[in-house]
């Protein structure tokens, strides 16, 4: 039987650990299209987005729809249609009229701070602008943490074009050699990972196939990037997969303020039979 901490416990870990506990990621964030490869014209697909214990069963918290953006193959923002946010799941549909790769993603950047005033433990959360305006960085003994996360998936209409992937140079990113929408059981998958635009070594990636609710074992696959940021992995079974990598980094100066950092990268994708 699998056991995952509740969201309340996860938040407690976030606020009380010496630094961001990566175990917080035990609640999986995911964006899942109804299909990741499709052909034709004037197509429609559905998308679910949630934070849950099981993959891909919405059973905990809906992902805010306003935090999700969709980039069409020509780089323009694609409007989400029929958007609904429930308690445990967000859904929307997309009208795909272009050929190529659509990127569906949520990018998050959050600042946290903690300090002590007398016997009282103070905690704060907000933006960099609010941090400066409210003078949080000047609190005696304050510790400031910055969390950067990317939750991504992609949908391809027509041939999979590897040139559809570019680096932005911030946080953890994937620049694939094997297109994430062109994966088959047993075939090698070569992906390269970057931290703030540079290849990242010794990054551990965890892969979990969906429907783990119906397995006694998670059957996770792990891979670690080499000195140039590469991994090569083979998937033994077809299905929908979830991948996550995370880093905890020492404090650095951001806008003159010392901050510890936590980076997370999540992707969902499909693997097809041989």
Foldseek 3Di string as FASTA:
>chain_A
DDDADAQVVLVVQCPPPPHRDPSSCLFPWAKDKPAFEAEDAQDKIKIKTFTHNAPPDQDAAEDPPVQKWKAALVGDTFDWAPWDGDGRMIMTMGGHGDAEKMKIKGKDKKKKKWDDDVPDIDIDIDDPVVCVVVVVLVPPPMAMAMEIEMHIEMHGYPDYDLVSDDDPQAFKDKRFPDRLADAAAPDKGKIFMDHSRATDFQWKKKKFFHPCVPPPDRPIDIWTAHPRRMTIDGHHDWGKMKMKTKDWAAWDADVRGTYTYIGMYMYIGTYHYD
